[in-house]
PDB file of N, CA and C in Angstrom:
ATOM      1  N   MET A   1      -2.204 -30.798 -26.905  1.00  0.00           N
ATOM      2  CA  MET A   1      -2.011 -32.024 -27.742  1.00  0.00           C
ATOM      3  C   MET A   1      -1.413 -33.160 -26.898  1.00  0.00           C
ATOM      4  N   ARG A   2      -2.307 -34.022 -26.453  1.00  0.00           N
ATOM      5  CA  ARG A   2      -1.925 -35.086 -25.631  1.00  0.00           C
ATOM      6  C   ARG A   2      -1.122 -36.181 -26.455  1.00  0.00           C
ATOM      7  N   LEU A   3      -0.200 -36.805 -25.684  1.00  0.00           N
ATOM      8  CA  LEU A   3       0.566 -37.833 -26.350  1.00  0.00           C
ATOM      9  C   LEU A   3      -0.295 -39.010 -26.816  1.00  0.00           C
ATOM     10  N   ASP A   4      -1.165 -39.501 -25.950  1.00  0.00           N
ATOM     11  CA  ASP A   4      -2.060 -40.640 -26.348  1.00  0.00           C
ATOM     12  C   ASP A   4      -2.834 -40.335 -27.616  1.00  0.00           C
ATOM     13  N   ASN A   5      -3.363 -39.126 -27.691  1.00  0.00           N
ATOM     14  CA  ASN A   5      -4.148 -38.734 -28.844  1.00  0.00           C
ATOM     15  C   ASN A   5      -3.244 -38.679 -30.086  1.00  0.00           C
ATOM     16  N   ILE A   6      -2.092 -38.189 -29.954  1.00  0.00           N
ATOM     17  CA  ILE A   6      -1.165 -37.996 -31.145  1.00  0.00           C
ATOM     18  C   ILE A   6      -0.774 -39.451 -31.585  1.00  0.00           C
ATOM     19  N   LEU A   7      -0.497 -40.399 -30.675  1.00  0.00           N
ATOM     20  CA  LEU A   7      -0.142 -41.760 -31.120  1.00  0.00           C
ATOM     21  C   LEU A   7      -1.311 -42.377 -31.869  1.00  0.00           C
ATOM     22  N   PHE A   8      -2.554 -42.166 -31.381  1.00  0.00           N
ATOM     23  CA  PHE A   8      -3.730 -42.625 -32.109  1.00  0.00           C
ATOM     24  C   PHE A   8      -3.841 -42.032 -33.468  1.00  0.00           C
ATOM     25  N   ARG A   9      -3.688 -40.720 -33.612  1.00  0.00           N
ATOM     26  CA  ARG A   9      -3.895 -40.040 -34.844  1.00  0.00           C
ATOM     27  C   ARG A   9      -2.766 -40.441 -35.872  1.00  0.00           C
ATOM     28  N   LEU A  10      -1.539 -40.805 -35.385  1.00  0.00           N
ATOM     29  CA  LEU A  10      -0.449 -41.212 -36.217  1.00  0.00           C
ATOM     30  C   LEU A  10      -0.684 -42.652 -36.695  1.00  0.00           C
ATOM     31  N   GLY A  11      -1.606 -43.394 -36.131  1.00  0.00           N
ATOM     32  CA  GLY A  11      -1.816 -44.802 -36.497  1.00  0.00           C
ATOM     33  C   GLY A  11      -0.974 -45.719 -35.776  1.00  0.00           C
ATOM     34  N   MET A  12      -0.246 -45.226 -34.700  1.00  0.00           N
ATOM     35  CA  MET A  12       0.621 -46.166 -33.875  1.00  0.00           C
ATOM     36  C   MET A  12      -0.147 -46.923 -32.846  1.00  0.00           C
ATOM     37  N   ALA A  13      -1.415 -46.697 -32.674  1.00  0.00           N
ATOM     38  CA  ALA A  13      -2.318 -47.452 -31.816  1.00  0.00           C
ATOM     39  C   ALA A  13      -3.720 -47.486 -32.508  1.00  0.00           C
ATOM     40  N   SER A  14      -4.407 -48.561 -32.293  1.00  0.00           N
ATOM     41  CA  SER A  14      -5.751 -48.664 -32.956  1.00  0.00           C
ATOM     42  C   SER A  14      -6.805 -47.959 -32.164  1.00  0.00           C
ATOM     43  N   THR A  15      -6.632 -47.709 -30.881  1.00  0.00           N
ATOM     44  CA  THR A  15      -7.567 -46.978 -30.069  1.00  0.00           C
ATOM     45  C   THR A  15      -6.838 -46.008 -29.147  1.00  0.00           C
ATOM     46  N   ILE A  16      -7.538 -45.066 -28.592  1.00  0.00           N
ATOM     47  CA  ILE A  16      -6.897 -44.151 -27.598  1.00  0.00           C
ATOM     48  C   ILE A  16      -6.514 -44.944 -26.331  1.00  0.00           C
ATOM     49  N   PRO A  17      -7.390 -45.839 -25.848  1.00  0.00           N
ATOM     50  CA  PRO A  17      -6.947 -46.566 -24.664  1.00  0.00           C
ATOM     51  C   PRO A  17      -5.728 -47.453 -24.985  1.00  0.00           C
ATOM     52  N   GLY A  18      -5.643 -47.982 -26.254  1.00  0.00           N
ATOM     53  CA  GLY A  18      -4.420 -48.743 -26.649  1.00  0.00           C
ATOM     54  C   GLY A  18      -3.208 -47.837 -26.632  1.00  0.00           C
ATOM     55  N   ALA A  19      -3.369 -46.600 -27.069  1.00  0.00           N
ATOM     56  CA  ALA A  19      -2.219 -45.605 -27.078  1.00  0.00           C
ATOM     57  C   ALA A  19      -1.806 -45.366 -25.599  1.00  0.00           C
ATOM     58  N   ARG A  20      -2.790 -45.258 -24.717  1.00  0.00           N
ATOM     59  CA  ARG A  20      -2.461 -44.990 -23.281  1.00  0.00           C
ATOM     60  C   ARG A  20      -1.675 -46.118 -22.746  1.00  0.00           C
ATOM     61  N   GLN A  21      -1.975 -47.385 -23.126  1.00  0.00           N
ATOM     62  CA  GLN A  21      -1.277 -48.561 -22.646  1.00  0.00           C
ATOM     63  C   GLN A  21       0.130 -48.584 -23.151  1.00  0.00           C
ATOM     64  N   LEU A  22       0.316 -48.232 -24.492  1.00  0.00           N
ATOM     65  CA  LEU A  22       1.703 -48.150 -24.966  1.00  0.00           C
ATOM     66  C   LEU A  22       2.591 -47.169 -24.171  1.00  0.00           C
ATOM     67  N   VAL A  23       2.004 -46.001 -23.840  1.00  0.00           N
ATOM     68  CA  VAL A  23       2.720 -45.018 -23.030  1.00  0.00           C
ATOM     69  C   VAL A  23       2.949 -45.517 -21.606  1.00  0.00           C
ATOM     70  N   ASN A  24       1.946 -46.076 -21.065  1.00  0.00           N
ATOM     71  CA  ASN A  24       2.108 -46.518 -19.625  1.00  0.00           C
ATOM     72  C   ASN A  24       3.140 -47.666 -19.521  1.00  0.00           C
ATOM     73  N   HIS A  25       3.259 -48.496 -20.554  1.00  0.00           N
ATOM     74  CA  HIS A  25       4.271 -49.603 -20.506  1.00  0.00           C
ATOM     75  C   HIS A  25       5.638 -49.225 -21.055  1.00  0.00           C
ATOM     76  N   ARG A  26       5.862 -47.890 -21.168  1.00  0.00           N
ATOM     77  CA  ARG A  26       7.176 -47.357 -21.550  1.00  0.00           C
ATOM     78  C   ARG A  26       7.687 -47.736 -22.906  1.00  0.00           C
ATOM     79  N   HIS A  27       6.852 -47.816 -23.879  1.00  0.00           N
ATOM     80  CA  HIS A  27       7.242 -48.196 -25.258  1.00  0.00           C
ATOM     81  C   HIS A  27       7.551 -46.941 -26.022  1.00  0.00           C
ATOM     82  N   ILE A  28       7.188 -45.710 -25.528  1.00  0.00           N
ATOM     83  CA  ILE A  28       7.266 -44.485 -26.342  1.00  0.00           C
ATOM     84  C   ILE A  28       8.254 -43.525 -25.782  1.00  0.00           C
ATOM     85  N   LEU A  29       9.052 -42.894 -26.705  1.00  0.00           N
ATOM     86  CA  LEU A  29       9.961 -41.873 -26.379  1.00  0.00           C
ATOM     87  C   LEU A  29       9.520 -40.501 -26.991  1.00  0.00           C
ATOM     88  N   VAL A  30       9.712 -39.500 -26.287  1.00  0.00           N
ATOM     89  CA  VAL A  30       9.499 -38.189 -26.836  1.00  0.00           C
ATOM     90  C   VAL A  30      10.769 -37.389 -26.720  1.00  0.00           C
ATOM     91  N   ASN A  31      11.366 -36.994 -27.869  1.00  0.00           N
ATOM     92  CA  ASN A  31      12.621 -36.320 -27.951  1.00  0.00           C
ATOM     93  C   ASN A  31      13.710 -37.134 -27.307  1.00  0.00           C
ATOM     94  N   GLY A  32      13.660 -38.482 -27.453  1.00  0.00           N
ATOM     95  CA  GLY A  32      14.688 -39.397 -26.951  1.00  0.00           C
ATOM     96  C   GLY A  32      14.608 -39.737 -25.531  1.00  0.00           C
ATOM     97  N   ARG A  33      13.557 -39.322 -24.837  1.00  0.00           N
ATOM     98  CA  ARG A  33      13.368 -39.657 -23.403  1.00  0.00           C
ATOM     99  C   ARG A  33      12.098 -40.480 -23.246  1.00  0.00           C
ATOM    100  N   ILE A  34      12.081 -41.431 -22.364  1.00  0.00           N
ATOM    101  CA  ILE A  34      10.907 -42.306 -22.139  1.00  0.00           C
ATOM    102  C   ILE A  34       9.903 -41.383 -21.406  1.00  0.00           C
ATOM    103  N   VAL A  35       8.667 -41.485 -21.901  1.00  0.00           N
ATOM    104  CA  VAL A  35       7.543 -40.834 -21.304  1.00  0.00           C
ATOM    105  C   VAL A  35       6.514 -41.784 -20.910  1.00  0.00           C
ATOM    106  N   ASP A  36       6.067 -41.873 -19.682  1.00  0.00           N
ATOM    107  CA  ASP A  36       5.069 -42.837 -19.286  1.00  0.00           C
ATOM    108  C   ASP A  36       3.782 -42.225 -18.736  1.00  0.00           C
ATOM    109  N   ILE A  37       3.526 -40.998 -19.191  1.00  0.00           N
ATOM    110  CA  ILE A  37       2.339 -40.266 -18.853  1.00  0.00           C
ATOM    111  C   ILE A  37       1.479 -40.013 -20.074  1.00  0.00           C
ATOM    112  N   PRO A  38       0.408 -40.709 -20.274  1.00  0.00           N
ATOM    113  CA  PRO A  38      -0.447 -40.558 -21.461  1.00  0.00           C
ATOM    114  C   PRO A  38      -0.917 -39.159 -21.710  1.00  0.00           C
ATOM    115  N   SER A  39      -1.106 -38.322 -20.642  1.00  0.00           N
ATOM    116  CA  SER A  39      -1.603 -36.979 -20.763  1.00  0.00           C
ATOM    117  C   SER A  39      -0.468 -36.009 -21.076  1.00  0.00           C
ATOM    118  N   TYR A  40       0.712 -36.459 -21.314  1.00  0.00           N
ATOM    119  CA  TYR A  40       1.854 -35.608 -21.540  1.00  0.00           C
ATOM    120  C   TYR A  40       1.497 -34.664 -22.670  1.00  0.00           C
ATOM    121  N   ARG A  41       1.721 -33.346 -22.520  1.00  0.00           N
ATOM    122  CA  ARG A  41       1.460 -32.365 -23.525  1.00  0.00           C
ATOM    123  C   ARG A  41       2.588 -32.216 -24.504  1.00  0.00           C
ATOM    124  N   CYS A  42       2.454 -32.491 -25.722  1.00  0.00           N
ATOM    125  CA  CYS A  42       3.445 -32.377 -26.750  1.00  0.00           C
ATOM    126  C   CYS A  42       3.473 -30.953 -27.257  1.00  0.00           C
ATOM    127  N   LYS A  43       4.599 -30.583 -27.673  1.00  0.00           N
ATOM    128  CA  LYS A  43       4.784 -29.179 -28.233  1.00  0.00           C
ATOM    129  C   LYS A  43       5.228 -29.322 -29.719  1.00  0.00           C
ATOM    130  N   PRO A  44       5.148 -28.256 -30.409  1.00  0.00           N
ATOM    131  CA  PRO A  44       5.669 -28.284 -31.781  1.00  0.00           C
ATOM    132  C   PRO A  44       7.087 -28.659 -31.817  1.00  0.00           C
ATOM    133  N   ARG A  45       7.448 -29.378 -32.844  1.00  0.00           N
ATOM    134  CA  ARG A  45       8.903 -29.928 -33.073  1.00  0.00           C
ATOM    135  C   ARG A  45       9.216 -31.079 -32.137  1.00  0.00           C
ATOM    136  N   ASP A  46       8.287 -31.656 -31.406  1.00  0.00           N
ATOM    137  CA  ASP A  46       8.506 -32.878 -30.575  1.00  0.00           C
ATOM    138  C   ASP A  46       8.606 -34.039 -31.565  1.00  0.00           C
ATOM    139  N   ILE A  47       9.555 -34.906 -31.312  1.00  0.00           N
ATOM    140  CA  ILE A  47       9.704 -36.119 -32.078  1.00  0.00           C
ATOM    141  C   ILE A  47       9.275 -37.277 -31.252  1.00  0.00           C
ATOM    142  N   ILE A  48       8.283 -38.027 -31.705  1.00  0.00           N
ATOM    143  CA  ILE A  48       7.740 -39.218 -30.971  1.00  0.00           C
ATOM    144  C   ILE A  48       8.242 -40.473 -31.690  1.00  0.00           C
ATOM    145  N   THR A  49       8.912 -41.280 -30.945  1.00  0.00           N
ATOM    146  CA  THR A  49       9.477 -42.533 -31.470  1.00  0.00           C
ATOM    147  C   THR A  49       9.152 -43.712 -30.563  1.00  0.00           C
ATOM    148  N   THR A  50       9.380 -44.849 -31.012  1.00  0.00           N
ATOM    149  CA  THR A  50       9.313 -46.058 -30.169  1.00  0.00           C
ATOM    150  C   THR A  50      10.696 -46.473 -29.652  1.00  0.00           C
ATOM    151  N   ARG A  51      10.730 -47.201 -28.618  1.00  0.00           N
ATOM    152  CA  ARG A  51      11.971 -47.712 -28.072  1.00  0.00           C
ATOM    153  C   ARG A  51      12.612 -48.659 -29.113  1.00  0.00           C
ATOM    154  N   ASP A  52      13.960 -48.834 -28.953  1.00  0.00           N
ATOM    155  CA  ASP A  52      14.707 -49.676 -29.957  1.00  0.00           C
ATOM    156  C   ASP A  52      14.495 -51.116 -29.643  1.00  0.00           C
ATOM    157  N   GLU A  53      13.662 -51.481 -28.669  1.00  0.00           N
ATOM    158  CA  GLU A  53      13.447 -52.875 -28.411  1.00  0.00           C
ATOM    159  C   GLU A  53      12.532 -53.533 -29.489  1.00  0.00           C
ATOM    160  N   GLN A  54      12.830 -54.825 -29.742  1.00  0.00           N
ATOM    161  CA  GLN A  54      12.054 -55.533 -30.713  1.00  0.00           C
ATOM    162  C   GLN A  54      10.534 -55.597 -30.363  1.00  0.00           C
ATOM    163  N   LYS A  55      10.271 -55.827 -29.092  1.00  0.00           N
ATOM    164  CA  LYS A  55       8.842 -55.945 -28.675  1.00  0.00           C
ATOM    165  C   LYS A  55       8.062 -54.617 -28.999  1.00  0.00           C
ATOM    166  N   SER A  56       8.700 -53.498 -28.660  1.00  0.00           N
ATOM    167  CA  SER A  56       8.045 -52.245 -28.890  1.00  0.00           C
ATOM    168  C   SER A  56       7.828 -51.964 -30.473  1.00  0.00           C
ATOM    169  N   ARG A  57       8.825 -52.251 -31.193  1.00  0.00           N
ATOM    170  CA  ARG A  57       8.683 -52.089 -32.618  1.00  0.00           C
ATOM    171  C   ARG A  57       7.609 -52.993 -33.263  1.00  0.00           C
ATOM    172  N   ALA A  58       7.557 -54.261 -32.748  1.00  0.00           N
ATOM    173  CA  ALA A  58       6.641 -55.258 -33.181  1.00  0.00           C
ATOM    174  C   ALA A  58       5.205 -54.751 -32.944  1.00  0.00           C
ATOM    175  N   LEU A  59       4.964 -54.239 -31.746  1.00  0.00           N
ATOM    176  CA  LEU A  59       3.660 -53.737 -31.359  1.00  0.00           C
ATOM    177  C   LEU A  59       3.173 -52.584 -32.334  1.00  0.00           C
ATOM    178  N   ILE A  60       4.116 -51.661 -32.471  1.00  0.00           N
ATOM    179  CA  ILE A  60       3.767 -50.546 -33.341  1.00  0.00           C
ATOM    180  C   ILE A  60       3.568 -50.928 -34.830  1.00  0.00           C
ATOM    181  N   GLN A  61       4.409 -51.847 -35.273  1.00  0.00           N
ATOM    182  CA  GLN A  61       4.255 -52.333 -36.675  1.00  0.00           C
ATOM    183  C   GLN A  61       2.961 -53.005 -36.846  1.00  0.00           C
ATOM    184  N   ASN A  62       2.517 -53.748 -35.848  1.00  0.00           N
ATOM    185  CA  ASN A  62       1.234 -54.436 -35.939  1.00  0.00           C
ATOM    186  C   ASN A  62       0.093 -53.423 -36.082  1.00  0.00           C
ATOM    187  N   TYR A  63       0.149 -52.352 -35.324  1.00  0.00           N
ATOM    188  CA  TYR A  63      -0.872 -51.275 -35.416  1.00  0.00           C
ATOM    189  C   TYR A  63      -0.741 -50.565 -36.735  1.00  0.00           C
ATOM    190  N   LEU A  64       0.417 -50.282 -37.221  1.00  0.00           N
ATOM    191  CA  LEU A  64       0.553 -49.573 -38.517  1.00  0.00           C
ATOM    192  C   LEU A  64       0.066 -50.368 -39.661  1.00  0.00           C
ATOM    193  N   ASP A  65       0.298 -51.723 -39.651  1.00  0.00           N
ATOM    194  CA  ASP A  65      -0.222 -52.531 -40.722  1.00  0.00           C
ATOM    195  C   ASP A  65      -1.719 -52.736 -40.692  1.00  0.00           C
ATOM    196  N   SER A  66      -2.296 -52.686 -39.506  1.00  0.00           N
ATOM    197  CA  SER A  66      -3.740 -52.942 -39.451  1.00  0.00           C
ATOM    198  C   SER A  66      -4.601 -51.677 -39.554  1.00  0.00           C
ATOM    199  N   SER A  67      -3.955 -50.556 -39.366  1.00  0.00           N
ATOM    200  CA  SER A  67      -4.742 -49.309 -39.343  1.00  0.00           C
ATOM    201  C   SER A  67      -4.935 -48.807 -40.779  1.00  0.00           C
ATOM    202  N   PRO A  68      -6.184 -48.284 -41.026  1.00  0.00           N
ATOM    203  CA  PRO A  68      -6.374 -47.623 -42.371  1.00  0.00           C
ATOM    204  C   PRO A  68      -5.623 -46.348 -42.521  1.00  0.00           C
ATOM    205  N   HIS A  69      -5.104 -46.130 -43.665  1.00  0.00           N
ATOM    206  CA  HIS A  69      -4.285 -44.941 -43.900  1.00  0.00           C
ATOM    207  C   HIS A  69      -5.171 -43.803 -44.321  1.00  0.00           C
ATOM    208  N   ASP A  70      -5.925 -43.312 -43.419  1.00  0.00           N
ATOM    209  CA  ASP A  70      -6.820 -42.111 -43.626  1.00  0.00           C
ATOM    210  C   ASP A  70      -5.922 -40.920 -43.710  1.00  0.00           C
ATOM    211  N   GLU A  71      -6.588 -39.784 -44.108  1.00  0.00           N
ATOM    212  CA  GLU A  71      -5.840 -38.529 -44.199  1.00  0.00           C
ATOM    213  C   GLU A  71      -5.461 -38.112 -42.792  1.00  0.00           C
ATOM    214  N   LEU A  72      -4.153 -37.818 -42.603  1.00  0.00           N
ATOM    215  CA  LEU A  72      -3.682 -37.438 -41.273  1.00  0.00           C
ATOM    216  C   LEU A  72      -3.843 -35.952 -41.102  1.00  0.00           C
ATOM    217  N   PRO A  73      -3.980 -35.508 -39.902  1.00  0.00           N
ATOM    218  CA  PRO A  73      -4.059 -34.116 -39.610  1.00  0.00           C
ATOM    219  C   PRO A  73      -2.792 -33.376 -40.120  1.00  0.00           C
ATOM    220  N   LYS A  74      -2.907 -32.113 -40.385  1.00  0.00           N
ATOM    221  CA  LYS A  74      -1.782 -31.341 -40.971  1.00  0.00           C
ATOM    222  C   LYS A  74      -0.734 -31.010 -39.987  1.00  0.00           C
ATOM    223  N   HIS A  75      -1.070 -31.164 -38.681  1.00  0.00           N
ATOM    224  CA  HIS A  75      -0.144 -30.769 -37.656  1.00  0.00           C
ATOM    225  C   HIS A  75       0.766 -31.954 -37.284  1.00  0.00           C
ATOM    226  N   LEU A  76       0.569 -33.082 -37.894  1.00  0.00           N
ATOM    227  CA  LEU A  76       1.440 -34.289 -37.621  1.00  0.00           C
ATOM    228  C   LEU A  76       2.066 -34.752 -38.942  1.00  0.00           C
ATOM    229  N   THR A  77       3.325 -35.302 -38.777  1.00  0.00           N
ATOM    230  CA  THR A  77       4.004 -35.894 -39.927  1.00  0.00           C
ATOM    231  C   THR A  77       4.485 -37.268 -39.487  1.00  0.00           C
ATOM    232  N   PRO A  78       4.022 -38.324 -40.167  1.00  0.00           N
ATOM    233  CA  PRO A  78       4.456 -39.678 -39.758  1.00  0.00           C
ATOM    234  C   PRO A  78       5.680 -40.093 -40.519  1.00  0.00           C
ATOM    235  N   HIS A  79       6.512 -40.943 -39.930  1.00  0.00           N
ATOM    236  CA  HIS A  79       7.623 -41.602 -40.579  1.00  0.00           C
ATOM    237  C   HIS A  79       7.543 -43.064 -40.209  1.00  0.00           C
ATOM    238  N   SER A  80       6.630 -43.764 -40.862  1.00  0.00           N
ATOM    239  CA  SER A  80       6.292 -45.153 -40.440  1.00  0.00           C
ATOM    240  C   SER A  80       7.501 -46.088 -40.485  1.00  0.00           C
ATOM    241  N   PHE A  81       8.317 -45.910 -41.498  1.00  0.00           N
ATOM    242  CA  PHE A  81       9.430 -46.925 -41.620  1.00  0.00           C
ATOM    243  C   PHE A  81      10.433 -46.728 -40.485  1.00  0.00           C
ATOM    244  N   GLN A  82      10.537 -45.533 -39.867  1.00  0.00           N
ATOM    245  CA  GLN A  82      11.428 -45.304 -38.815  1.00  0.00           C
ATOM    246  C   GLN A  82      10.738 -45.340 -37.439  1.00  0.00           C
ATOM    247  N   TYR A  83       9.428 -45.669 -37.424  1.00  0.00           N
ATOM    248  CA  TYR A  83       8.619 -45.800 -36.194  1.00  0.00           C
ATOM    249  C   TYR A  83       8.730 -44.440 -35.474  1.00  0.00           C
ATOM    250  N   LYS A  84       8.405 -43.413 -36.220  1.00  0.00           N
ATOM    251  CA  LYS A  84       8.616 -42.052 -35.729  1.00  0.00           C
ATOM    252  C   LYS A  84       7.431 -41.139 -36.217  1.00  0.00           C
ATOM    253  N   GLY A  85       7.185 -40.126 -35.424  1.00  0.00           N
ATOM    254  CA  GLY A  85       6.192 -39.067 -35.866  1.00  0.00           C
ATOM    255  C   GLY A  85       6.655 -37.710 -35.381  1.00  0.00           C
ATOM    256  N   LEU A  86       6.297 -36.707 -36.069  1.00  0.00           N
ATOM    257  CA  LEU A  86       6.737 -35.343 -35.663  1.00  0.00           C
ATOM    258  C   LEU A  86       5.489 -34.433 -35.520  1.00  0.00           C
ATOM    259  N   VAL A  87       5.504 -33.657 -34.461  1.00  0.00           N
ATOM    260  CA  VAL A  87       4.433 -32.674 -34.202  1.00  0.00           C
ATOM    261  C   VAL A  87       4.929 -31.438 -34.861  1.00  0.00           C
ATOM    262  N   ASN A  88       4.239 -30.946 -36.001  1.00  0.00           N
ATOM    263  CA  ASN A  88       4.650 -29.806 -36.710  1.00  0.00           C
ATOM    264  C   ASN A  88       4.265 -28.473 -36.009  1.00  0.00           C
ATOM    265  N   GLN A  89       3.058 -28.405 -35.583  1.00  0.00           N
ATOM    266  CA  GLN A  89       2.477 -27.226 -35.030  1.00  0.00           C
ATOM    267  C   GLN A  89       1.325 -27.464 -34.118  1.00  0.00           C
ATOM    268  N   ILE A  90       0.915 -26.446 -33.380  1.00  0.00           N
ATOM    269  CA  ILE A  90      -0.289 -26.660 -32.549  1.00  0.00           C
ATOM    270  C   ILE A  90      -1.547 -26.744 -33.421  1.00  0.00           C
ATOM    271  N   ILE A  91      -2.432 -27.677 -33.165  1.00  0.00           N
ATOM    272  CA  ILE A  91      -3.608 -27.843 -33.958  1.00  0.00           C
ATOM    273  C   ILE A  91      -4.517 -26.591 -33.812  1.00  0.00           C
ATOM    274  N   ASP A  92      -5.090 -26.242 -34.919  1.00  0.00           N
ATOM    275  CA  ASP A  92      -6.017 -25.166 -34.993  1.00  0.00           C
ATOM    276  C   ASP A  92      -7.491 -25.648 -34.932  1.00  0.00           C
ATOM    277  N   SER A  93      -8.317 -24.933 -34.240  1.00  0.00           N
ATOM    278  CA  SER A  93      -9.724 -25.404 -34.046  1.00  0.00           C
ATOM    279  C   SER A  93     -10.428 -25.481 -35.371  1.00  0.00           C
ATOM    280  N   LYS A  94      -9.985 -24.798 -36.401  1.00  0.00           N
ATOM    281  CA  LYS A  94     -10.603 -24.895 -37.732  1.00  0.00           C
ATOM    282  C   LYS A  94     -10.441 -26.226 -38.358  1.00  0.00           C
ATOM    283  N   TRP A  95      -9.354 -26.966 -38.002  1.00  0.00           N
ATOM    284  CA  TRP A  95      -9.136 -28.276 -38.681  1.00  0.00           C
ATOM    285  C   TRP A  95      -9.897 -29.400 -37.972  1.00  0.00           C
ATOM    286  N   VAL A  96     -10.581 -29.154 -36.836  1.00  0.00           N
ATOM    287  CA  VAL A  96     -11.321 -30.197 -36.184  1.00  0.00           C
ATOM    288  C   VAL A  96     -12.548 -30.547 -37.063  1.00  0.00           C
ATOM    289  N   GLY A  97     -13.169 -29.636 -37.740  1.00  0.00           N
ATOM    290  CA  GLY A  97     -14.274 -29.989 -38.565  1.00  0.00           C
ATOM    291  C   GLY A  97     -15.588 -29.998 -37.870  1.00  0.00           C
ATOM    292  N   LEU A  98     -15.624 -29.416 -36.647  1.00  0.00           N
ATOM    293  CA  LEU A  98     -16.872 -29.353 -35.906  1.00  0.00           C
ATOM    294  C   LEU A  98     -17.189 -27.807 -35.652  1.00  0.00           C
ATOM    295  N   GLU A  99     -18.511 -27.574 -35.665  1.00  0.00           N
ATOM    296  CA  GLU A  99     -18.936 -26.173 -35.315  1.00  0.00           C
ATOM    297  C   GLU A  99     -19.133 -26.188 -33.723  1.00  0.00           C
ATOM    298  N   ILE A 100     -18.236 -25.451 -33.102  1.00  0.00           N
ATOM    299  CA  ILE A 100     -18.293 -25.425 -31.668  1.00  0.00           C
ATOM    300  C   ILE A 100     -18.468 -23.924 -31.258  1.00  0.00           C
ATOM    301  N   ASN A 101     -19.555 -23.725 -30.491  1.00  0.00           N
ATOM    302  CA  ASN A 101     -19.801 -22.344 -29.966  1.00  0.00           C
ATOM    303  C   ASN A 101     -19.044 -22.344 -28.647  1.00  0.00           C
ATOM    304  N   GLU A 102     -17.920 -21.726 -28.611  1.00  0.00           N
ATOM    305  CA  GLU A 102     -17.069 -21.685 -27.394  1.00  0.00           C
ATOM    306  C   GLU A 102     -17.690 -20.899 -26.214  1.00  0.00           C
ATOM    307  N   LEU A 103     -18.547 -19.925 -26.548  1.00  0.00           N
ATOM    308  CA  LEU A 103     -19.264 -19.160 -25.563  1.00  0.00           C
ATOM    309  C   LEU A 103     -20.179 -20.079 -24.758  1.00  0.00           C
ATOM    310  N   LEU A 104     -20.918 -20.962 -25.424  1.00  0.00           N
ATOM    311  CA  LEU A 104     -21.808 -21.903 -24.788  1.00  0.00           C
ATOM    312  C   LEU A 104     -21.009 -22.817 -23.833  1.00  0.00           C
ATOM    313  N   VAL A 105     -19.825 -23.301 -24.244  1.00  0.00           N
ATOM    314  CA  VAL A 105     -19.086 -24.150 -23.409  1.00  0.00           C
ATOM    315  C   VAL A 105     -18.606 -23.458 -22.140  1.00  0.00           C
ATOM    316  N   VAL A 106     -18.151 -22.248 -22.291  1.00  0.00           N
ATOM    317  CA  VAL A 106     -17.745 -21.437 -21.152  1.00  0.00           C
ATOM    318  C   VAL A 106     -18.881 -21.179 -20.232  1.00  0.00           C
ATOM    319  N   GLU A 107     -20.072 -20.881 -20.772  1.00  0.00           N
ATOM    320  CA  GLU A 107     -21.284 -20.620 -20.003  1.00  0.00           C
ATOM    321  C   GLU A 107     -21.672 -21.887 -19.136  1.00  0.00           C
ATOM    322  N   TYR A 108     -21.621 -23.008 -19.864  1.00  0.00           N
ATOM    323  CA  TYR A 108     -21.958 -24.319 -19.178  1.00  0.00           C
ATOM    324  C   TYR A 108     -21.062 -24.540 -17.974  1.00  0.00           C
ATOM    325  N   TYR A 109     -19.748 -24.465 -18.210  1.00  0.00           N
ATOM    326  CA  TYR A 109     -18.811 -24.787 -17.161  1.00  0.00           C
ATOM    327  C   TYR A 109     -18.733 -23.664 -16.061  1.00  0.00           C
ATOM    328  N   SER A 110     -19.144 -22.429 -16.381  1.00  0.00           N
ATOM    329  CA  SER A 110     -19.152 -21.493 -15.353  1.00  0.00           C
ATOM    330  C   SER A 110     -20.262 -21.680 -14.277  1.00  0.00           C
ATOM    331  N   ARG A 111     -21.281 -22.352 -14.707  1.00  0.00           N
ATOM    332  CA  ARG A 111     -22.458 -22.648 -13.768  1.00  0.00           C
ATOM    333  C   ARG A 111     -22.118 -23.879 -12.922  1.00  0.00           C
ATOM    334  N   GLN A 112     -21.225 -24.700 -13.260  1.00  0.00           N
ATOM    335  CA  GLN A 112     -20.821 -25.932 -12.498  1.00  0.00           C
ATOM    336  C   GLN A 112     -20.057 -25.517 -11.281  1.00  0.00           C
ATOM    337  N   THR A 113     -20.556 -25.849 -10.096  1.00  0.00           N
ATOM    338  CA  THR A 113     -19.787 -25.596  -8.837  1.00  0.00           C
ATOM    339  C   THR A 113     -20.024 -26.729  -7.830  1.00  0.00           C
TER     340      THR A 113
END
């Protein structure tokens, strides 16, 4: 579960590239520490927040106001008023909603050399 994808799913960014930019510009904290790597792997019980600076909170609030409030994945819990999100658990492939034949994926990549 990548940090940029989690920010996008929580509605803290309108696009995944926008989420990557938020992380790269050091607006995001994971468990109270600044993380500037968009591909950072989040674990269950990680708390994702914004920095206490006005600029960071204004950016996130803008995204939260403009994003549609669709159904969130069950593995994430948003706390929009606190500019915070919680990773509850590792996402299960059943929640993705796609039929994926994992054997075909493994076969395809095993031929690549």
